[in-house]
Amino acid sequence: MDLVTQVYKVTDKFPKEEKFSLADQIRRSAISVPSNIAEGAARNTKKEFVNFLHIAQGSLSELDTQIELAKRLKYIQEEIWKDLDITMERIDKMLTGLIRSQKSPND
């Protein structure tokens, strides 16, 4: 959820002409990450949960691409991009670990 909050603060400063295009898409990708984790956690099987975790990782990859584009368009400063990138890498590692633990045969 911290990533979503960060993204909203950053995209709030985008140019007005981007409010309903790139900014909106970035926000949707960011929101999709915790939403898919929550939906997967509410499912009945580990297999379904893992599927939603993979979808969350896909949304995170989309977000990474969109944030990179925003940086190249100079909508995001380098330092802010670095902070977002570190946060996204951390979340990706957590998702990978959670997927691995859910696939563990020891359960």
PDB file of N, CA and C in Angstrom:
ATOM      1  N   MET A   1       0.820  -1.188   0.000  1.00  0.00           N
ATOM      2  CA  MET A   1       0.000   0.000   0.000  1.00  0.00           C
ATOM      3  C   MET A   1       0.867   1.256   0.000  1.00  0.00           C
ATOM      4  N   ASP A   2       2.061   1.163   0.577  1.00  0.00           N
ATOM      5  CA  ASP A   2       2.950   2.325   0.582  1.00  0.00           C
ATOM      6  C   ASP A   2       3.324   2.727  -0.849  1.00  0.00           C
ATOM      7  N   LEU A   3       3.520   1.727  -1.700  1.00  0.00           N
ATOM      8  CA  LEU A   3       3.851   2.018  -3.094  1.00  0.00           C
ATOM      9  C   LEU A   3       2.716   2.795  -3.768  1.00  0.00           C
ATOM     10  N   VAL A   4       1.486   2.387  -3.512  1.00  0.00           N
ATOM     11  CA  VAL A   4       0.333   3.074  -4.108  1.00  0.00           C
ATOM     12  C   VAL A   4       0.294   4.524  -3.640  1.00  0.00           C
ATOM     13  N   THR A   5       0.528   4.734  -2.366  1.00  0.00           N
ATOM     14  CA  THR A   5       0.534   6.095  -1.821  1.00  0.00           C
ATOM     15  C   THR A   5       1.634   6.925  -2.474  1.00  0.00           C
ATOM     16  N   GLN A   6       2.827   6.338  -2.592  1.00  0.00           N
ATOM     17  CA  GLN A   6       3.940   7.032  -3.257  1.00  0.00           C
ATOM     18  C   GLN A   6       3.563   7.411  -4.688  1.00  0.00           C
ATOM     19  N   VAL A   7       2.993   6.468  -5.399  1.00  0.00           N
ATOM     20  CA  VAL A   7       2.632   6.678  -6.798  1.00  0.00           C
ATOM     21  C   VAL A   7       1.602   7.806  -6.932  1.00  0.00           C
ATOM     22  N   TYR A   8       0.625   7.821  -6.068  1.00  0.00           N
ATOM     23  CA  TYR A   8      -0.386   8.885  -6.128  1.00  0.00           C
ATOM     24  C   TYR A   8       0.241  10.255  -5.902  1.00  0.00           C
ATOM     25  N   LYS A   9       1.152  10.347  -4.949  1.00  0.00           N
ATOM     26  CA  LYS A   9       1.820  11.626  -4.677  1.00  0.00           C
ATOM     27  C   LYS A   9       2.655  12.077  -5.871  1.00  0.00           C
ATOM     28  N   VAL A  10       3.350  11.142  -6.487  1.00  0.00           N
ATOM     29  CA  VAL A  10       4.209  11.464  -7.629  1.00  0.00           C
ATOM     30  C   VAL A  10       3.381  11.859  -8.850  1.00  0.00           C
ATOM     31  N   THR A  11       2.353  11.085  -9.154  1.00  0.00           N
ATOM     32  CA  THR A  11       1.559  11.361 -10.358  1.00  0.00           C
ATOM     33  C   THR A  11       0.685  12.600 -10.204  1.00  0.00           C
ATOM     34  N   ASP A  12       0.453  13.027  -8.984  1.00  0.00           N
ATOM     35  CA  ASP A  12      -0.296  14.258  -8.744  1.00  0.00           C
ATOM     36  C   ASP A  12       0.432  15.474  -9.331  1.00  0.00           C
ATOM     37  N   LYS A  13       1.741  15.340  -9.509  1.00  0.00           N
ATOM     38  CA  LYS A  13       2.561  16.443 -10.013  1.00  0.00           C
ATOM     39  C   LYS A  13       2.803  16.366 -11.521  1.00  0.00           C
ATOM     40  N   PHE A  14       2.225  15.387 -12.179  1.00  0.00           N
ATOM     41  CA  PHE A  14       2.367  15.261 -13.630  1.00  0.00           C
ATOM     42  C   PHE A  14       1.677  16.444 -14.317  1.00  0.00           C
ATOM     43  N   PRO A  15       2.087  16.741 -15.553  1.00  0.00           N
ATOM     44  CA  PRO A  15       1.402  17.794 -16.311  1.00  0.00           C
ATOM     45  C   PRO A  15      -0.085  17.461 -16.491  1.00  0.00           C
ATOM     46  N   LYS A  16      -0.895  18.496 -16.588  1.00  0.00           N
ATOM     47  CA  LYS A  16      -2.344  18.295 -16.705  1.00  0.00           C
ATOM     48  C   LYS A  16      -2.720  17.396 -17.878  1.00  0.00           C
ATOM     49  N   GLU A  17      -2.009  17.509 -18.986  1.00  0.00           N
ATOM     50  CA  GLU A  17      -2.350  16.689 -20.156  1.00  0.00           C
ATOM     51  C   GLU A  17      -2.088  15.199 -19.934  1.00  0.00           C
ATOM     52  N   GLU A  18      -1.368  14.862 -18.879  1.00  0.00           N
ATOM     53  CA  GLU A  18      -1.084  13.456 -18.573  1.00  0.00           C
ATOM     54  C   GLU A  18      -1.977  12.889 -17.478  1.00  0.00           C
ATOM     55  N   LYS A  19      -2.821  13.696 -16.890  1.00  0.00           N
ATOM     56  CA  LYS A  19      -3.648  13.252 -15.764  1.00  0.00           C
ATOM     57  C   LYS A  19      -4.536  12.062 -16.113  1.00  0.00           C
ATOM     58  N   PHE A  20      -5.019  11.999 -17.349  1.00  0.00           N
ATOM     59  CA  PHE A  20      -5.945  10.929 -17.711  1.00  0.00           C
ATOM     60  C   PHE A  20      -5.344   9.941 -18.698  1.00  0.00           C
ATOM     61  N   SER A  21      -4.033   9.960 -18.818  1.00  0.00           N
ATOM     62  CA  SER A  21      -3.396   8.972 -19.685  1.00  0.00           C
ATOM     63  C   SER A  21      -2.309   8.232 -18.902  1.00  0.00           C
ATOM     64  N   LEU A  22      -1.075   8.680 -18.980  1.00  0.00           N
ATOM     65  CA  LEU A  22       0.009   7.958 -18.315  1.00  0.00           C
ATOM     66  C   LEU A  22      -0.177   7.933 -16.795  1.00  0.00           C
ATOM     67  N   ALA A  23      -0.552   9.032 -16.209  1.00  0.00           N
ATOM     68  CA  ALA A  23      -0.745   9.079 -14.751  1.00  0.00           C
ATOM     69  C   ALA A  23      -1.824   8.087 -14.327  1.00  0.00           C
ATOM     70  N   ASP A  24      -2.910   8.062 -15.065  1.00  0.00           N
ATOM     71  CA  ASP A  24      -4.005   7.138 -14.752  1.00  0.00           C
ATOM     72  C   ASP A  24      -3.544   5.687 -14.886  1.00  0.00           C
ATOM     73  N   GLN A  25      -2.804   5.387 -15.930  1.00  0.00           N
ATOM     74  CA  GLN A  25      -2.322   4.020 -16.144  1.00  0.00           C
ATOM     75  C   GLN A  25      -1.347   3.601 -15.048  1.00  0.00           C
ATOM     76  N   ILE A  26      -0.476   4.522 -14.638  1.00  0.00           N
ATOM     77  CA  ILE A  26       0.470   4.236 -13.557  1.00  0.00           C
ATOM     78  C   ILE A  26      -0.290   3.927 -12.269  1.00  0.00           C
ATOM     79  N   ARG A  27      -1.296   4.733 -11.978  1.00  0.00           N
ATOM     80  CA  ARG A  27      -2.084   4.512 -10.763  1.00  0.00           C
ATOM     81  C   ARG A  27      -2.804   3.174 -10.803  1.00  0.00           C
ATOM     82  N   ARG A  28      -3.353   2.830 -11.951  1.00  0.00           N
ATOM     83  CA  ARG A  28      -4.069   1.555 -12.075  1.00  0.00           C
ATOM     84  C   ARG A  28      -3.122   0.366 -11.862  1.00  0.00           C
ATOM     85  N   SER A  29      -1.937   0.450 -12.421  1.00  0.00           N
ATOM     86  CA  SER A  29      -0.956  -0.630 -12.233  1.00  0.00           C
ATOM     87  C   SER A  29      -0.559  -0.750 -10.769  1.00  0.00           C
ATOM     88  N   ALA A  30      -0.335   0.391 -10.131  1.00  0.00           N
ATOM     89  CA  ALA A  30       0.064   0.378  -8.719  1.00  0.00           C
ATOM     90  C   ALA A  30      -1.031  -0.216  -7.841  1.00  0.00           C
ATOM     91  N   ILE A  31      -2.268   0.176  -8.077  1.00  0.00           N
ATOM     92  CA  ILE A  31      -3.398  -0.329  -7.294  1.00  0.00           C
ATOM     93  C   ILE A  31      -3.596  -1.823  -7.518  1.00  0.00           C
ATOM     94  N   SER A  32      -3.286  -2.281  -8.712  1.00  0.00           N
ATOM     95  CA  SER A  32      -3.481  -3.681  -9.066  1.00  0.00           C
ATOM     96  C   SER A  32      -2.595  -4.617  -8.240  1.00  0.00           C
ATOM     97  N   VAL A  33      -1.436  -4.153  -7.818  1.00  0.00           N
ATOM     98  CA  VAL A  33      -0.517  -5.030  -7.078  1.00  0.00           C
ATOM     99  C   VAL A  33      -1.138  -5.493  -5.754  1.00  0.00           C
ATOM    100  N   PRO A  34      -1.460  -4.587  -4.820  1.00  0.00           N
ATOM    101  CA  PRO A  34      -2.049  -5.080  -3.561  1.00  0.00           C
ATOM    102  C   PRO A  34      -3.450  -5.671  -3.745  1.00  0.00           C
ATOM    103  N   SER A  35      -4.170  -5.193  -4.749  1.00  0.00           N
ATOM    104  CA  SER A  35      -5.517  -5.730  -4.993  1.00  0.00           C
ATOM    105  C   SER A  35      -5.458  -7.198  -5.373  1.00  0.00           C
ATOM    106  N   ASN A  36      -4.515  -7.571  -6.230  1.00  0.00           N
ATOM    107  CA  ASN A  36      -4.385  -8.977  -6.631  1.00  0.00           C
ATOM    108  C   ASN A  36      -3.870  -9.844  -5.486  1.00  0.00           C
ATOM    109  N   ILE A  37      -3.005  -9.298  -4.657  1.00  0.00           N
ATOM    110  CA  ILE A  37      -2.536 -10.056  -3.490  1.00  0.00           C
ATOM    111  C   ILE A  37      -3.723 -10.339  -2.564  1.00  0.00           C
ATOM    112  N   ALA A  38      -4.529  -9.317  -2.317  1.00  0.00           N
ATOM    113  CA  ALA A  38      -5.693  -9.477  -1.442  1.00  0.00           C
ATOM    114  C   ALA A  38      -6.702 -10.463  -2.029  1.00  0.00           C
ATOM    115  N   GLU A  39      -6.966 -10.346  -3.323  1.00  0.00           N
ATOM    116  CA  GLU A  39      -7.924 -11.259  -3.947  1.00  0.00           C
ATOM    117  C   GLU A  39      -7.414 -12.693  -3.901  1.00  0.00           C
ATOM    118  N   GLY A  40      -6.130 -12.870  -4.175  1.00  0.00           N
ATOM    119  CA  GLY A  40      -5.556 -14.209  -4.130  1.00  0.00           C
ATOM    120  C   GLY A  40      -5.591 -14.812  -2.738  1.00  0.00           C
ATOM    121  N   ALA A  41      -5.350 -13.982  -1.732  1.00  0.00           N
ATOM    122  CA  ALA A  41      -5.364 -14.471  -0.350  1.00  0.00           C
ATOM    123  C   ALA A  41      -6.756 -14.950   0.061  1.00  0.00           C
ATOM    124  N   ALA A  42      -7.771 -14.406  -0.578  1.00  0.00           N
ATOM    125  CA  ALA A  42      -9.151 -14.788  -0.251  1.00  0.00           C
ATOM    126  C   ALA A  42      -9.602 -16.053  -0.988  1.00  0.00           C
ATOM    127  N   ARG A  43      -8.777 -16.558  -1.881  1.00  0.00           N
ATOM    128  CA  ARG A  43      -9.127 -17.771  -2.628  1.00  0.00           C
ATOM    129  C   ARG A  43      -8.978 -19.013  -1.764  1.00  0.00           C
ATOM    130  N   ASN A  44      -9.518 -20.110  -2.246  1.00  0.00           N
ATOM    131  CA  ASN A  44      -9.570 -21.337  -1.454  1.00  0.00           C
ATOM    132  C   ASN A  44      -8.337 -22.211  -1.545  1.00  0.00           C
ATOM    133  N   THR A  45      -7.523 -22.029  -2.582  1.00  0.00           N
ATOM    134  CA  THR A  45      -6.376 -22.930  -2.736  1.00  0.00           C
ATOM    135  C   THR A  45      -5.079 -22.145  -2.890  1.00  0.00           C
ATOM    136  N   LYS A  46      -3.986 -22.819  -2.560  1.00  0.00           N
ATOM    137  CA  LYS A  46      -2.670 -22.210  -2.747  1.00  0.00           C
ATOM    138  C   LYS A  46      -2.407 -21.933  -4.220  1.00  0.00           C
ATOM    139  N   LYS A  47      -2.875 -22.838  -5.074  1.00  0.00           N
ATOM    140  CA  LYS A  47      -2.660 -22.674  -6.512  1.00  0.00           C
ATOM    141  C   LYS A  47      -3.300 -21.376  -7.008  1.00  0.00           C
ATOM    142  N   GLU A  48      -4.519 -21.105  -6.561  1.00  0.00           N
ATOM    143  CA  GLU A  48      -5.188 -19.858  -6.955  1.00  0.00           C
ATOM    144  C   GLU A  48      -4.449 -18.648  -6.397  1.00  0.00           C
ATOM    145  N   PHE A  49      -4.017 -18.750  -5.139  1.00  0.00           N
ATOM    146  CA  PHE A  49      -3.276 -17.662  -4.513  1.00  0.00           C
ATOM    147  C   PHE A  49      -2.009 -17.363  -5.302  1.00  0.00           C
ATOM    148  N   VAL A  50      -1.262 -18.402  -5.652  1.00  0.00           N
ATOM    149  CA  VAL A  50      -0.021 -18.227  -6.428  1.00  0.00           C
ATOM    150  C   VAL A  50      -0.318 -17.576  -7.775  1.00  0.00           C
ATOM    151  N   ASN A  51      -1.415 -17.963  -8.406  1.00  0.00           N
ATOM    152  CA  ASN A  51      -1.789 -17.356  -9.683  1.00  0.00           C
ATOM    153  C   ASN A  51      -1.977 -15.844  -9.523  1.00  0.00           C
ATOM    154  N   PHE A  52      -2.667 -15.431  -8.469  1.00  0.00           N
ATOM    155  CA  PHE A  52      -2.879 -14.000  -8.243  1.00  0.00           C
ATOM    156  C   PHE A  52      -1.581 -13.288  -7.861  1.00  0.00           C
ATOM    157  N   LEU A  53      -0.681 -13.979  -7.197  1.00  0.00           N
ATOM    158  CA  LEU A  53       0.621 -13.390  -6.890  1.00  0.00           C
ATOM    159  C   LEU A  53       1.406 -13.143  -8.176  1.00  0.00           C
ATOM    160  N   HIS A  54       1.292 -14.064  -9.115  1.00  0.00           N
ATOM    161  CA  HIS A  54       1.945 -13.862 -10.419  1.00  0.00           C
ATOM    162  C   HIS A  54       1.323 -12.675 -11.158  1.00  0.00           C
ATOM    163  N   ILE A  55       0.021 -12.535 -11.063  1.00  0.00           N
ATOM    164  CA  ILE A  55      -0.655 -11.385 -11.686  1.00  0.00           C
ATOM    165  C   ILE A  55      -0.165 -10.091 -11.034  1.00  0.00           C
ATOM    166  N   ALA A  56      -0.004 -10.107  -9.717  1.00  0.00           N
ATOM    167  CA  ALA A  56       0.515  -8.930  -9.010  1.00  0.00           C
ATOM    168  C   ALA A  56       1.923  -8.594  -9.502  1.00  0.00           C
ATOM    169  N   GLN A  57       2.738  -9.612  -9.718  1.00  0.00           N
ATOM    170  CA  GLN A  57       4.082  -9.370 -10.257  1.00  0.00           C
ATOM    171  C   GLN A  57       4.017  -8.778 -11.664  1.00  0.00           C
ATOM    172  N   GLY A  58       3.068  -9.234 -12.452  1.00  0.00           N
ATOM    173  CA  GLY A  58       2.890  -8.674 -13.791  1.00  0.00           C
ATOM    174  C   GLY A  58       2.512  -7.209 -13.723  1.00  0.00           C
ATOM    175  N   SER A  59       1.625  -6.865 -12.807  1.00  0.00           N
ATOM    176  CA  SER A  59       1.232  -5.463 -12.632  1.00  0.00           C
ATOM    177  C   SER A  59       2.422  -4.631 -12.172  1.00  0.00           C
ATOM    178  N   LEU A  60       3.249  -5.213 -11.331  1.00  0.00           N
ATOM    179  CA  LEU A  60       4.448  -4.527 -10.862  1.00  0.00           C
ATOM    180  C   LEU A  60       5.414  -4.275 -12.021  1.00  0.00           C
ATOM    181  N   SER A  61       5.516  -5.224 -12.928  1.00  0.00           N
ATOM    182  CA  SER A  61       6.369  -5.053 -14.112  1.00  0.00           C
ATOM    183  C   SER A  61       5.830  -3.955 -15.025  1.00  0.00           C
ATOM    184  N   GLU A  62       4.509  -3.927 -15.180  1.00  0.00           N
ATOM    185  CA  GLU A  62       3.886  -2.842 -15.950  1.00  0.00           C
ATOM    186  C   GLU A  62       4.211  -1.496 -15.318  1.00  0.00           C
ATOM    187  N   LEU A  63       4.063  -1.434 -14.015  1.00  0.00           N
ATOM    188  CA  LEU A  63       4.339  -0.195 -13.292  1.00  0.00           C
ATOM    189  C   LEU A  63       5.787   0.232 -13.479  1.00  0.00           C
ATOM    190  N   ASP A  64       6.687  -0.707 -13.409  1.00  0.00           N
ATOM    191  CA  ASP A  64       8.112  -0.422 -13.593  1.00  0.00           C
ATOM    192  C   ASP A  64       8.356   0.213 -14.964  1.00  0.00           C
ATOM    193  N   THR A  65       7.750  -0.340 -15.984  1.00  0.00           N
ATOM    194  CA  THR A  65       7.894   0.191 -17.340  1.00  0.00           C
ATOM    195  C   THR A  65       7.319   1.602 -17.438  1.00  0.00           C
ATOM    196  N   GLN A  66       6.155   1.807 -16.862  1.00  0.00           N
ATOM    197  CA  GLN A  66       5.497   3.108 -16.931  1.00  0.00           C
ATOM    198  C   GLN A  66       6.260   4.178 -16.151  1.00  0.00           C
ATOM    199  N   ILE A  67       6.815   3.793 -15.010  1.00  0.00           N
ATOM    200  CA  ILE A  67       7.613   4.733 -14.207  1.00  0.00           C
ATOM    201  C   ILE A  67       8.880   5.108 -14.967  1.00  0.00           C
ATOM    202  N   GLU A  68       9.482   4.131 -15.627  1.00  0.00           N
ATOM    203  CA  GLU A  68      10.673   4.406 -16.449  1.00  0.00           C
ATOM    204  C   GLU A  68      10.332   5.392 -17.563  1.00  0.00           C
ATOM    205  N   LEU A  69       9.200   5.196 -18.218  1.00  0.00           N
ATOM    206  CA  LEU A  69       8.765   6.114 -19.266  1.00  0.00           C
ATOM    207  C   LEU A  69       8.560   7.517 -18.705  1.00  0.00           C
ATOM    208  N   ALA A  70       7.907   7.609 -17.557  1.00  0.00           N
ATOM    209  CA  ALA A  70       7.675   8.915 -16.930  1.00  0.00           C
ATOM    210  C   ALA A  70       8.997   9.613 -16.607  1.00  0.00           C
ATOM    211  N   LYS A  71       9.989   8.836 -16.189  1.00  0.00           N
ATOM    212  CA  LYS A  71      11.315   9.405 -15.920  1.00  0.00           C
ATOM    213  C   LYS A  71      11.932   9.940 -17.211  1.00  0.00           C
ATOM    214  N   ARG A  72      11.843   9.157 -18.284  1.00  0.00           N
ATOM    215  CA  ARG A  72      12.417   9.585 -19.568  1.00  0.00           C
ATOM    216  C   ARG A  72      11.714  10.820 -20.132  1.00  0.00           C
ATOM    217  N   LEU A  73      10.427  10.952 -19.807  1.00  0.00           N
ATOM    218  CA  LEU A  73       9.676  12.132 -20.250  1.00  0.00           C
ATOM    219  C   LEU A  73       9.871  13.314 -19.314  1.00  0.00           C
ATOM    220  N   LYS A  74      10.686  13.102 -18.275  1.00  0.00           N
ATOM    221  CA  LYS A  74      11.014  14.135 -17.283  1.00  0.00           C
ATOM    222  C   LYS A  74       9.831  14.525 -16.403  1.00  0.00           C
ATOM    223  N   TYR A  75       8.884  13.587 -16.229  1.00  0.00           N
ATOM    224  CA  TYR A  75       7.768  13.809 -15.315  1.00  0.00           C
ATOM    225  C   TYR A  75       8.158  13.426 -13.887  1.00  0.00           C
ATOM    226  N   ILE A  76       9.191  12.594 -13.785  1.00  0.00           N
ATOM    227  CA  ILE A  76       9.686  12.131 -12.492  1.00  0.00           C
ATOM    228  C   ILE A  76      11.180  12.440 -12.414  1.00  0.00           C
ATOM    229  N   GLN A  77      11.584  13.011 -11.316  1.00  0.00           N
ATOM    230  CA  GLN A  77      13.005  13.297 -11.104  1.00  0.00           C
ATOM    231  C   GLN A  77      13.757  12.001 -10.796  1.00  0.00           C
ATOM    232  N   GLU A  78      15.030  12.025 -11.087  1.00  0.00           N
ATOM    233  CA  GLU A  78      15.890  10.847 -10.904  1.00  0.00           C
ATOM    234  C   GLU A  78      15.810  10.287  -9.480  1.00  0.00           C
ATOM    235  N   GLU A  79      15.882  11.146  -8.490  1.00  0.00           N
ATOM    236  CA  GLU A  79      15.876  10.702  -7.095  1.00  0.00           C
ATOM    237  C   GLU A  79      14.549  10.031  -6.726  1.00  0.00           C
ATOM    238  N   ILE A  80      13.455  10.572  -7.184  1.00  0.00           N
ATOM    239  CA  ILE A  80      12.139   9.974  -6.925  1.00  0.00           C
ATOM    240  C   ILE A  80      12.038   8.639  -7.635  1.00  0.00           C
ATOM    241  N   TRP A  81      12.538   8.584  -8.875  1.00  0.00           N
ATOM    242  CA  TRP A  81      12.533   7.329  -9.620  1.00  0.00           C
ATOM    243  C   TRP A  81      13.323   6.253  -8.869  1.00  0.00           C
ATOM    244  N   LYS A  82      14.485   6.636  -8.331  1.00  0.00           N
ATOM    245  CA  LYS A  82      15.311   5.677  -7.584  1.00  0.00           C
ATOM    246  C   LYS A  82      14.557   5.125  -6.381  1.00  0.00           C
ATOM    247  N   ASP A  83      13.876   5.999  -5.649  1.00  0.00           N
ATOM    248  CA  ASP A  83      13.091   5.554  -4.486  1.00  0.00           C
ATOM    249  C   ASP A  83      12.000   4.571  -4.906  1.00  0.00           C
ATOM    250  N   LEU A  84      11.283   4.913  -5.970  1.00  0.00           N
ATOM    251  CA  LEU A  84      10.229   4.024  -6.466  1.00  0.00           C
ATOM    252  C   LEU A  84      10.821   2.700  -6.939  1.00  0.00           C
ATOM    253  N   ASP A  85      11.942   2.758  -7.622  1.00  0.00           N
ATOM    254  CA  ASP A  85      12.586   1.554  -8.135  1.00  0.00           C
ATOM    255  C   ASP A  85      13.006   0.633  -6.994  1.00  0.00           C
ATOM    256  N   ILE A  86      13.571   1.194  -5.940  1.00  0.00           N
ATOM    257  CA  ILE A  86      13.970   0.397  -4.773  1.00  0.00           C
ATOM    258  C   ILE A  86      12.750  -0.260  -4.144  1.00  0.00           C
ATOM    259  N   THR A  87      11.664   0.490  -4.017  1.00  0.00           N
ATOM    260  CA  THR A  87      10.434  -0.049  -3.440  1.00  0.00           C
ATOM    261  C   THR A  87       9.877  -1.173  -4.309  1.00  0.00           C
ATOM    262  N   MET A  88       9.872  -0.977  -5.630  1.00  0.00           N
ATOM    263  CA  MET A  88       9.359  -2.013  -6.531  1.00  0.00           C
ATOM    264  C   MET A  88      10.222  -3.267  -6.491  1.00  0.00           C
ATOM    265  N   GLU A  89      11.531  -3.106  -6.413  1.00  0.00           N
ATOM    266  CA  GLU A  89      12.423  -4.271  -6.313  1.00  0.00           C
ATOM    267  C   GLU A  89      12.160  -5.047  -5.026  1.00  0.00           C
ATOM    268  N   ARG A  90      11.957  -4.326  -3.934  1.00  0.00           N
ATOM    269  CA  ARG A  90      11.689  -4.952  -2.641  1.00  0.00           C
ATOM    270  C   ARG A  90      10.380  -5.746  -2.692  1.00  0.00           C
ATOM    271  N   ILE A  91       9.359  -5.148  -3.284  1.00  0.00           N
ATOM    272  CA  ILE A  91       8.061  -5.829  -3.396  1.00  0.00           C
ATOM    273  C   ILE A  91       8.184  -7.059  -4.291  1.00  0.00           C
ATOM    274  N   ASP A  92       8.925  -6.940  -5.382  1.00  0.00           N
ATOM    275  CA  ASP A  92       9.104  -8.086  -6.279  1.00  0.00           C
ATOM    276  C   ASP A  92       9.783  -9.241  -5.550  1.00  0.00           C
ATOM    277  N   LYS A  93      10.786  -8.936  -4.747  1.00  0.00           N
ATOM    278  CA  LYS A  93      11.469  -9.988  -3.984  1.00  0.00           C
ATOM    279  C   LYS A  93      10.529 -10.626  -2.967  1.00  0.00           C
ATOM    280  N   MET A  94       9.689  -9.812  -2.329  1.00  0.00           N
ATOM    281  CA  MET A  94       8.724 -10.360  -1.369  1.00  0.00           C
ATOM    282  C   MET A  94       7.718 -11.265  -2.074  1.00  0.00           C
ATOM    283  N   LEU A  95       7.249 -10.834  -3.238  1.00  0.00           N
ATOM    284  CA  LEU A  95       6.298 -11.656  -3.994  1.00  0.00           C
ATOM    285  C   LEU A  95       6.949 -12.972  -4.421  1.00  0.00           C
ATOM    286  N   THR A  96       8.181 -12.905  -4.881  1.00  0.00           N
ATOM    287  CA  THR A  96       8.897 -14.110  -5.293  1.00  0.00           C
ATOM    288  C   THR A  96       9.038 -15.073  -4.113  1.00  0.00           C
ATOM    289  N   GLY A  97       9.389 -14.541  -2.948  1.00  0.00           N
ATOM    290  CA  GLY A  97       9.513 -15.378  -1.756  1.00  0.00           C
ATOM    291  C   GLY A  97       8.189 -15.978  -1.332  1.00  0.00           C
ATOM    292  N   LEU A  98       7.128 -15.199  -1.419  1.00  0.00           N
ATOM    293  CA  LEU A  98       5.804 -15.697  -1.054  1.00  0.00           C
ATOM    294  C   LEU A  98       5.345 -16.781  -2.018  1.00  0.00           C
ATOM    295  N   ILE A  99       5.603 -16.572  -3.302  1.00  0.00           N
ATOM    296  CA  ILE A  99       5.267 -17.599  -4.297  1.00  0.00           C
ATOM    297  C   ILE A  99       6.024 -18.888  -3.990  1.00  0.00           C
ATOM    298  N   ARG A 100       7.294 -18.746  -3.729  1.00  0.00           N
ATOM    299  CA  ARG A 100       8.135 -19.920  -3.423  1.00  0.00           C
ATOM    300  C   ARG A 100       7.610 -20.651  -2.184  1.00  0.00           C
ATOM    301  N   SER A 101       7.239 -19.890  -1.165  1.00  0.00           N
ATOM    302  CA  SER A 101       6.764 -20.538   0.075  1.00  0.00           C
ATOM    303  C   SER A 101       5.413 -21.218  -0.151  1.00  0.00           C
ATOM    304  N   GLN A 102       4.581 -20.671  -1.005  1.00  0.00           N
ATOM    305  CA  GLN A 102       3.273 -21.270  -1.278  1.00  0.00           C
ATOM    306  C   GLN A 102       3.404 -22.540  -2.122  1.00  0.00           C
ATOM    307  N   LYS A 103       4.465 -22.625  -2.880  1.00  0.00           N
ATOM    308  CA  LYS A 103       4.690 -23.804  -3.715  1.00  0.00           C
ATOM    309  C   LYS A 103       5.457 -24.894  -2.972  1.00  0.00           C
ATOM    310  N   SER A 104       5.909 -24.570  -1.761  1.00  0.00           N
ATOM    311  CA  SER A 104       6.704 -25.501  -0.972  1.00  0.00           C
ATOM    312  C   SER A 104       5.921 -26.786  -0.687  1.00  0.00           C
ATOM    313  N   PRO A 105       6.527 -27.948  -0.939  1.00  0.00           N
ATOM    314  CA  PRO A 105       5.841 -29.218  -0.704  1.00  0.00           C
ATOM    315  C   PRO A 105       5.767 -29.590   0.774  1.00  0.00           C
ATOM    316  N   ASN A 106       6.381 -28.808   1.645  1.00  0.00           N
ATOM    317  CA  ASN A 106       6.430 -29.125   3.074  1.00  0.00           C
ATOM    318  C   ASN A 106       5.125 -28.823   3.800  1.00  0.00           C
ATOM    319  N   ASP A 107       4.144 -28.292   3.108  1.00  0.00           N
ATOM    320  CA  ASP A 107       2.880 -27.924   3.773  1.00  0.00           C
ATOM    321  C   ASP A 107       1.861 -29.009   3.684  1.00  0.00           C
TER     322      ASP A 107
END
